[in-house]
């Protein structure tokens, strides 16, 4: 009993998400415990240093956010482009089958282009007869 290839990549996404969440929780608890036990309890931080650290953190977060947005934008664009290409190809393949509206429209337009500017033979004879009747 094997799984199909289409289900294999998506089968354990929730397990991976749970693992990442547990890892984050454990690292937070461990980091907090180590800082409390081994860190200095009294330190001074000037206002200029504090602002410098905060602005650095904000710029770092903005950079990471921009990178994620760029990656998601490229992935999304490729997905949309692939779907549009697929749907267009399906539409054209189905539409140009014999008896379908696109096929009939193309056939009608091709016939119009072929006979454009050609005077029908039957119409030309009728015009000559009308001229002769009018002249008499």
N, C-alpha and C. Protein backbone atom coordinates (compact mmCIF):
# COMPACT_ATOMS: atom_id res chain seq x y z
N UNK A 1 0.84 -1.18 0.00
CA UNK A 1 0.00 0.00 0.00
C UNK A 1 0.88 1.24 0.00
N UNK A 2 1.03 1.85 -1.14
CA UNK A 2 1.85 3.06 -1.24
C UNK A 2 0.96 4.24 -1.54
N UNK A 3 1.45 5.40 -1.14
CA UNK A 3 0.71 6.63 -1.41
C UNK A 3 1.04 7.10 -2.81
N UNK A 4 0.09 7.81 -3.41
CA UNK A 4 0.36 8.37 -4.72
C UNK A 4 1.30 9.55 -4.58
N UNK A 5 1.98 9.89 -5.67
CA UNK A 5 2.95 10.98 -5.65
C UNK A 5 2.31 12.33 -5.39
N UNK A 6 1.05 12.51 -5.76
CA UNK A 6 0.40 13.81 -5.58
C UNK A 6 0.11 14.09 -4.10
N UNK A 7 -0.01 13.06 -3.26
CA UNK A 7 -0.33 13.27 -1.86
C UNK A 7 0.92 13.27 -0.97
N UNK A 8 2.03 12.75 -1.43
CA UNK A 8 3.21 12.60 -0.60
C UNK A 8 3.77 13.94 -0.11
N UNK A 9 3.93 15.00 -0.94
CA UNK A 9 4.51 16.24 -0.43
C UNK A 9 3.63 16.98 0.57
N UNK A 10 2.31 16.86 0.48
CA UNK A 10 1.39 17.61 1.33
C UNK A 10 0.92 16.83 2.54
N UNK A 11 1.38 15.62 2.74
CA UNK A 11 0.81 14.77 3.77
C UNK A 11 1.19 15.18 5.19
N UNK A 12 2.39 15.71 5.44
CA UNK A 12 2.82 15.98 6.80
C UNK A 12 3.07 17.44 7.09
N UNK A 13 2.37 18.36 6.48
CA UNK A 13 2.62 19.79 6.69
C UNK A 13 2.27 20.20 8.11
N UNK A 14 1.22 19.62 8.67
CA UNK A 14 0.82 20.01 10.03
C UNK A 14 1.83 19.51 11.05
N UNK A 15 2.46 18.37 10.77
CA UNK A 15 3.48 17.83 11.67
C UNK A 15 4.72 18.73 11.67
N UNK A 16 5.08 19.24 10.50
CA UNK A 16 6.22 20.16 10.41
C UNK A 16 5.92 21.46 11.14
N UNK A 17 4.72 21.99 10.99
CA UNK A 17 4.34 23.23 11.66
C UNK A 17 4.36 23.04 13.18
N UNK A 18 3.87 21.92 13.65
CA UNK A 18 3.90 21.63 15.08
C UNK A 18 5.33 21.52 15.58
N UNK A 19 6.21 20.89 14.82
CA UNK A 19 7.62 20.77 15.20
C UNK A 19 8.30 22.13 15.30
N UNK A 20 8.01 23.02 14.35
CA UNK A 20 8.59 24.37 14.39
C UNK A 20 8.07 25.13 15.60
N UNK A 21 6.79 25.01 15.92
CA UNK A 21 6.21 25.70 17.07
C UNK A 21 6.83 25.19 18.38
N UNK A 22 6.99 23.89 18.50
CA UNK A 22 7.60 23.32 19.71
C UNK A 22 9.05 23.76 19.83
N UNK A 23 9.78 23.78 18.73
CA UNK A 23 11.18 24.21 18.75
C UNK A 23 11.30 25.67 19.18
N UNK A 24 10.41 26.52 18.69
CA UNK A 24 10.41 27.93 19.09
C UNK A 24 10.11 28.07 20.59
N UNK A 25 9.15 27.32 21.08
CA UNK A 25 8.80 27.39 22.50
C UNK A 25 9.96 26.93 23.37
N UNK A 26 10.58 25.82 23.02
CA UNK A 26 11.70 25.30 23.80
C UNK A 26 12.87 26.27 23.78
N UNK A 27 13.17 26.84 22.62
CA UNK A 27 14.31 27.77 22.55
C UNK A 27 14.02 29.05 23.34
N UNK A 28 12.77 29.51 23.38
CA UNK A 28 12.42 30.68 24.17
C UNK A 28 12.56 30.43 25.66
N UNK A 29 12.09 29.29 26.11
CA UNK A 29 12.19 28.94 27.53
C UNK A 29 13.66 28.75 27.92
N UNK A 30 14.41 28.05 27.11
CA UNK A 30 15.82 27.81 27.39
C UNK A 30 16.62 29.11 27.38
N UNK A 31 16.36 29.98 26.41
CA UNK A 31 17.05 31.27 26.34
C UNK A 31 16.72 32.15 27.53
N UNK A 32 15.45 32.16 27.94
CA UNK A 32 15.06 32.95 29.11
C UNK A 32 15.71 32.45 30.37
N UNK A 33 15.80 31.14 30.54
CA UNK A 33 16.42 30.57 31.74
C UNK A 33 17.91 30.86 31.76
N UNK A 34 18.58 30.74 30.65
CA UNK A 34 20.03 31.02 30.61
C UNK A 34 20.31 32.49 30.85
N UNK A 35 19.50 33.38 30.33
CA UNK A 35 19.71 34.81 30.54
C UNK A 35 19.50 35.18 32.00
N UNK A 36 18.51 34.61 32.62
CA UNK A 36 18.22 34.92 34.02
C UNK A 36 19.35 34.42 34.92
N UNK A 37 19.90 33.25 34.63
CA UNK A 37 20.92 32.67 35.50
C UNK A 37 22.32 33.21 35.23
N UNK A 38 22.66 33.44 33.97
CA UNK A 38 24.03 33.81 33.64
C UNK A 38 24.18 35.26 33.22
N UNK A 39 23.12 35.98 33.00
CA UNK A 39 23.22 37.37 32.57
C UNK A 39 23.45 38.30 33.74
N UNK A 40 23.93 39.48 33.44
CA UNK A 40 24.11 40.48 34.49
C UNK A 40 22.77 41.10 34.82
N UNK A 41 22.54 41.36 36.07
CA UNK A 41 21.25 41.91 36.47
C UNK A 41 21.21 43.43 36.39
N UNK A 42 22.38 44.06 36.41
CA UNK A 42 22.37 45.52 36.31
C UNK A 42 23.26 45.94 35.15
N UNK A 43 22.69 46.66 34.26
CA UNK A 43 23.45 47.22 33.14
C UNK A 43 22.81 48.53 32.76
N UNK A 44 23.60 49.37 32.20
CA UNK A 44 23.06 50.67 31.81
C UNK A 44 23.09 50.79 30.29
N UNK A 45 22.05 51.41 29.79
CA UNK A 45 21.92 51.58 28.35
C UNK A 45 21.51 53.02 28.10
N UNK A 46 22.32 53.72 27.35
CA UNK A 46 21.99 55.11 27.09
C UNK A 46 20.85 55.20 26.08
N UNK A 47 20.24 56.36 26.04
CA UNK A 47 19.12 56.58 25.12
C UNK A 47 19.57 56.45 23.67
N UNK A 48 20.74 56.95 23.36
CA UNK A 48 21.26 56.86 21.98
C UNK A 48 21.48 55.41 21.58
N UNK A 49 22.00 54.60 22.49
CA UNK A 49 22.20 53.18 22.20
C UNK A 49 20.86 52.47 22.01
N UNK A 50 19.89 52.79 22.85
CA UNK A 50 18.57 52.20 22.75
C UNK A 50 17.93 52.52 21.40
N UNK A 51 17.98 53.78 20.98
CA UNK A 51 17.40 54.18 19.70
C UNK A 51 18.12 53.49 18.55
N UNK A 52 19.43 53.40 18.66
CA UNK A 52 20.22 52.73 17.62
C UNK A 52 19.81 51.27 17.48
N UNK A 53 19.65 50.59 18.59
CA UNK A 53 19.24 49.18 18.57
C UNK A 53 17.84 49.04 17.99
N UNK A 54 16.93 49.90 18.40
CA UNK A 54 15.55 49.82 17.91
C UNK A 54 15.46 50.08 16.40
N UNK A 55 16.17 51.10 15.92
CA UNK A 55 16.15 51.39 14.48
C UNK A 55 16.79 50.27 13.67
N UNK A 56 17.83 49.67 14.20
CA UNK A 56 18.45 48.53 13.53
C UNK A 56 17.48 47.35 13.45
N UNK A 57 16.77 47.10 14.55
CA UNK A 57 15.79 46.01 14.56
C UNK A 57 14.67 46.26 13.56
N UNK A 58 14.17 47.50 13.50
CA UNK A 58 13.10 47.84 12.57
C UNK A 58 13.57 47.68 11.13
N UNK A 59 14.78 48.15 10.83
CA UNK A 59 15.28 48.03 9.46
C UNK A 59 15.52 46.57 9.08
N UNK A 60 15.96 45.78 10.03
CA UNK A 60 16.15 44.35 9.77
C UNK A 60 14.80 43.67 9.50
N UNK A 61 13.80 43.99 10.29
CA UNK A 61 12.47 43.42 10.07
C UNK A 61 11.90 43.84 8.71
N UNK A 62 12.10 45.09 8.35
CA UNK A 62 11.60 45.57 7.05
C UNK A 62 12.31 44.83 5.90
N UNK A 63 13.60 44.59 6.05
CA UNK A 63 14.36 43.88 5.01
C UNK A 63 13.86 42.44 4.87
N UNK A 64 13.67 41.76 5.99
CA UNK A 64 13.17 40.38 5.95
C UNK A 64 11.77 40.35 5.35
N UNK A 65 10.92 41.29 5.72
CA UNK A 65 9.57 41.36 5.16
C UNK A 65 9.61 41.59 3.66
N UNK A 66 10.49 42.46 3.20
CA UNK A 66 10.61 42.73 1.76
C UNK A 66 11.08 41.49 1.00
N UNK A 67 12.01 40.74 1.60
CA UNK A 67 12.48 39.51 0.95
C UNK A 67 11.35 38.49 0.86
N UNK A 68 10.59 38.32 1.94
CA UNK A 68 9.45 37.38 1.90
C UNK A 68 8.41 37.82 0.88
N UNK A 69 8.11 39.09 0.83
CA UNK A 69 7.14 39.58 -0.15
C UNK A 69 7.62 39.35 -1.58
N UNK A 70 8.90 39.54 -1.82
CA UNK A 70 9.45 39.31 -3.16
C UNK A 70 9.36 37.83 -3.54
N UNK A 71 9.70 36.96 -2.61
CA UNK A 71 9.63 35.52 -2.88
C UNK A 71 8.18 35.10 -3.14
N UNK A 72 7.26 35.55 -2.28
CA UNK A 72 5.86 35.20 -2.48
C UNK A 72 5.31 35.81 -3.76
N UNK A 73 5.77 36.99 -4.12
CA UNK A 73 5.34 37.62 -5.37
C UNK A 73 5.76 36.82 -6.58
N UNK A 74 6.99 36.35 -6.59
CA UNK A 74 7.49 35.55 -7.72
C UNK A 74 6.74 34.23 -7.79
N UNK A 75 6.56 33.59 -6.65
CA UNK A 75 5.84 32.31 -6.63
C UNK A 75 4.40 32.51 -7.09
N UNK A 76 3.75 33.55 -6.58
CA UNK A 76 2.36 33.82 -6.98
C UNK A 76 2.23 34.15 -8.44
N UNK A 77 3.15 34.96 -8.96
CA UNK A 77 3.09 35.32 -10.38
C UNK A 77 3.27 34.09 -11.26
N UNK A 78 4.20 33.22 -10.91
CA UNK A 78 4.40 32.00 -11.70
C UNK A 78 3.17 31.10 -11.64
N UNK A 79 2.54 31.02 -10.49
CA UNK A 79 1.34 30.19 -10.37
C UNK A 79 0.20 30.77 -11.21
N UNK A 80 0.00 32.08 -11.13
CA UNK A 80 -1.06 32.71 -11.91
C UNK A 80 -0.79 32.56 -13.40
N UNK A 81 0.45 32.79 -13.81
CA UNK A 81 0.80 32.70 -15.22
C UNK A 81 0.59 31.26 -15.73
N UNK A 82 0.95 30.28 -14.93
CA UNK A 82 0.76 28.89 -15.34
C UNK A 82 -0.72 28.54 -15.49
N UNK A 83 -1.54 29.02 -14.55
CA UNK A 83 -2.98 28.74 -14.64
C UNK A 83 -3.61 29.42 -15.84
N UNK A 84 -3.22 30.66 -16.09
CA UNK A 84 -3.78 31.39 -17.25
C UNK A 84 -3.38 30.69 -18.54
N UNK A 85 -2.14 30.26 -18.63
CA UNK A 85 -1.67 29.57 -19.83
C UNK A 85 -2.45 28.26 -20.04
N UNK A 86 -2.63 27.52 -18.96
CA UNK A 86 -3.35 26.25 -19.04
C UNK A 86 -4.81 26.47 -19.45
N UNK A 87 -5.48 27.44 -18.81
CA UNK A 87 -6.89 27.69 -19.12
C UNK A 87 -7.06 28.20 -20.56
N UNK A 88 -6.14 29.05 -21.02
CA UNK A 88 -6.22 29.55 -22.38
C UNK A 88 -6.04 28.42 -23.38
N UNK A 89 -5.08 27.56 -23.12
CA UNK A 89 -4.84 26.43 -24.02
C UNK A 89 -6.06 25.51 -24.06
N UNK A 90 -6.65 25.23 -22.91
CA UNK A 90 -7.86 24.39 -22.88
C UNK A 90 -9.00 25.05 -23.65
N UNK A 91 -9.19 26.35 -23.44
CA UNK A 91 -10.27 27.08 -24.11
C UNK A 91 -10.09 27.04 -25.62
N UNK A 92 -8.89 27.28 -26.09
CA UNK A 92 -8.65 27.29 -27.52
C UNK A 92 -8.76 25.90 -28.13
N UNK A 93 -8.24 24.90 -27.43
CA UNK A 93 -8.35 23.53 -27.94
C UNK A 93 -9.81 23.09 -28.04
N UNK A 94 -10.61 23.41 -27.04
CA UNK A 94 -12.03 23.05 -27.07
C UNK A 94 -12.81 23.90 -28.07
N UNK A 95 -12.49 25.18 -28.14
CA UNK A 95 -13.26 26.10 -28.97
C UNK A 95 -13.07 25.89 -30.45
N UNK A 96 -11.91 25.44 -30.89
CA UNK A 96 -11.65 25.28 -32.31
C UNK A 96 -11.94 23.87 -32.82
N UNK A 97 -12.61 23.07 -32.02
CA UNK A 97 -13.07 21.78 -32.53
C UNK A 97 -14.23 22.02 -33.49
N UNK A 98 -14.37 21.14 -34.46
CA UNK A 98 -15.38 21.34 -35.49
C UNK A 98 -16.78 21.36 -34.88
N UNK A 99 -17.57 22.36 -35.29
CA UNK A 99 -18.92 22.51 -34.79
C UNK A 99 -19.04 23.47 -33.62
N UNK A 100 -17.93 23.88 -33.03
CA UNK A 100 -17.95 24.82 -31.91
C UNK A 100 -18.02 26.25 -32.43
N UNK A 101 -18.44 27.20 -31.58
CA UNK A 101 -18.62 28.59 -32.04
C UNK A 101 -17.34 29.24 -32.58
N UNK A 102 -16.20 29.00 -31.94
CA UNK A 102 -14.96 29.60 -32.44
C UNK A 102 -14.60 29.05 -33.81
N UNK A 103 -14.81 27.76 -34.01
CA UNK A 103 -14.52 27.15 -35.30
C UNK A 103 -15.43 27.73 -36.38
N UNK A 104 -16.71 27.86 -36.06
CA UNK A 104 -17.66 28.42 -37.03
C UNK A 104 -17.33 29.88 -37.32
N UNK A 105 -16.96 30.65 -36.31
CA UNK A 105 -16.60 32.05 -36.51
C UNK A 105 -15.37 32.16 -37.41
N UNK A 106 -14.37 31.32 -37.18
CA UNK A 106 -13.17 31.34 -37.99
C UNK A 106 -13.47 30.92 -39.42
N UNK A 107 -14.31 29.92 -39.58
CA UNK A 107 -14.67 29.45 -40.92
C UNK A 107 -15.45 30.52 -41.68
N UNK A 108 -16.38 31.19 -41.01
CA UNK A 108 -17.16 32.25 -41.64
C UNK A 108 -16.26 33.41 -42.05
N UNK A 109 -15.37 33.82 -41.17
CA UNK A 109 -14.48 34.94 -41.47
C UNK A 109 -13.51 34.58 -42.59
N UNK A 110 -13.00 33.36 -42.60
CA UNK A 110 -12.10 32.93 -43.68
C UNK A 110 -12.82 32.95 -45.01
N UNK A 111 -14.08 32.51 -45.03
CA UNK A 111 -14.86 32.53 -46.27
C UNK A 111 -15.10 33.97 -46.72
N UNK A 112 -15.40 34.85 -45.80
CA UNK A 112 -15.59 36.27 -46.16
C UNK A 112 -14.32 36.87 -46.74
N UNK A 113 -13.17 36.54 -46.15
CA UNK A 113 -11.91 37.08 -46.65
C UNK A 113 -11.59 36.52 -48.03
N UNK A 114 -11.86 35.25 -48.25
CA UNK A 114 -11.57 34.63 -49.55
C UNK A 114 -12.38 35.30 -50.66
N UNK A 115 -13.66 35.54 -50.41
CA UNK A 115 -14.52 36.07 -51.45
C UNK A 115 -14.69 37.59 -51.40
N UNK A 116 -13.89 38.27 -50.60
CA UNK A 116 -13.99 39.72 -50.49
C UNK A 116 -13.56 40.38 -51.80
N UNK A 117 -14.38 41.29 -52.32
CA UNK A 117 -14.05 42.02 -53.54
C UNK A 117 -14.43 41.29 -54.81
N UNK A 118 -15.00 40.11 -54.70
CA UNK A 118 -15.41 39.36 -55.90
C UNK A 118 -16.90 39.54 -56.09
N UNK A 119 -17.26 39.96 -57.28
CA UNK A 119 -18.68 40.15 -57.59
C UNK A 119 -19.25 38.81 -58.00
N UNK A 120 -20.36 38.42 -57.41
CA UNK A 120 -20.95 37.13 -57.77
C UNK A 120 -21.38 37.13 -59.24
N UNK A 121 -21.25 36.00 -59.88
CA UNK A 121 -21.59 35.86 -61.30
C UNK A 121 -23.10 36.04 -61.48
N UNK A 122 -23.89 35.49 -60.61
CA UNK A 122 -25.34 35.60 -60.73
C UNK A 122 -25.75 37.05 -60.59
N UNK A 123 -25.17 37.77 -59.69
CA UNK A 123 -25.50 39.17 -59.49
C UNK A 123 -25.10 40.01 -60.69
N UNK A 124 -24.02 39.67 -61.36
CA UNK A 124 -23.56 40.43 -62.51
C UNK A 124 -24.53 40.26 -63.67
N UNK A 125 -25.05 39.08 -63.89
CA UNK A 125 -26.01 38.86 -64.97
C UNK A 125 -27.31 39.62 -64.70
N UNK A 126 -27.75 39.63 -63.46
CA UNK A 126 -28.96 40.35 -63.11
C UNK A 126 -28.79 41.84 -63.37
N UNK A 127 -27.62 42.39 -63.07
CA UNK A 127 -27.36 43.80 -63.30
C UNK A 127 -27.40 44.13 -64.79
N UNK A 128 -26.84 43.24 -65.63
CA UNK A 128 -26.84 43.48 -67.08
C UNK A 128 -28.26 43.44 -67.63
N UNK A 129 -29.07 42.50 -67.13
CA UNK A 129 -30.46 42.41 -67.61
C UNK A 129 -31.25 43.64 -67.20
N UNK A 130 -31.01 44.15 -65.99
CA UNK A 130 -31.72 45.35 -65.53
C UNK A 130 -31.31 46.56 -66.35
N UNK A 131 -30.07 46.65 -66.76
CA UNK A 131 -29.61 47.76 -67.58
C UNK A 131 -30.26 47.71 -68.96
N UNK A 132 -30.33 46.49 -69.53
CA UNK A 132 -30.93 46.36 -70.85
C UNK A 132 -32.43 46.68 -70.80
N UNK A 133 -33.11 46.23 -69.74
CA UNK A 133 -34.55 46.53 -69.62
C UNK A 133 -34.76 48.02 -69.42
N UNK A 134 -33.89 48.68 -68.74
CA UNK A 134 -34.03 50.10 -68.45
C UNK A 134 -33.73 50.94 -69.69
N UNK A 135 -32.88 50.47 -70.57
CA UNK A 135 -32.50 51.24 -71.74
C UNK A 135 -33.58 51.17 -72.81
N UNK A 136 -34.36 50.14 -72.90
CA UNK A 136 -35.35 49.97 -73.94
C UNK A 136 -36.55 50.79 -73.74
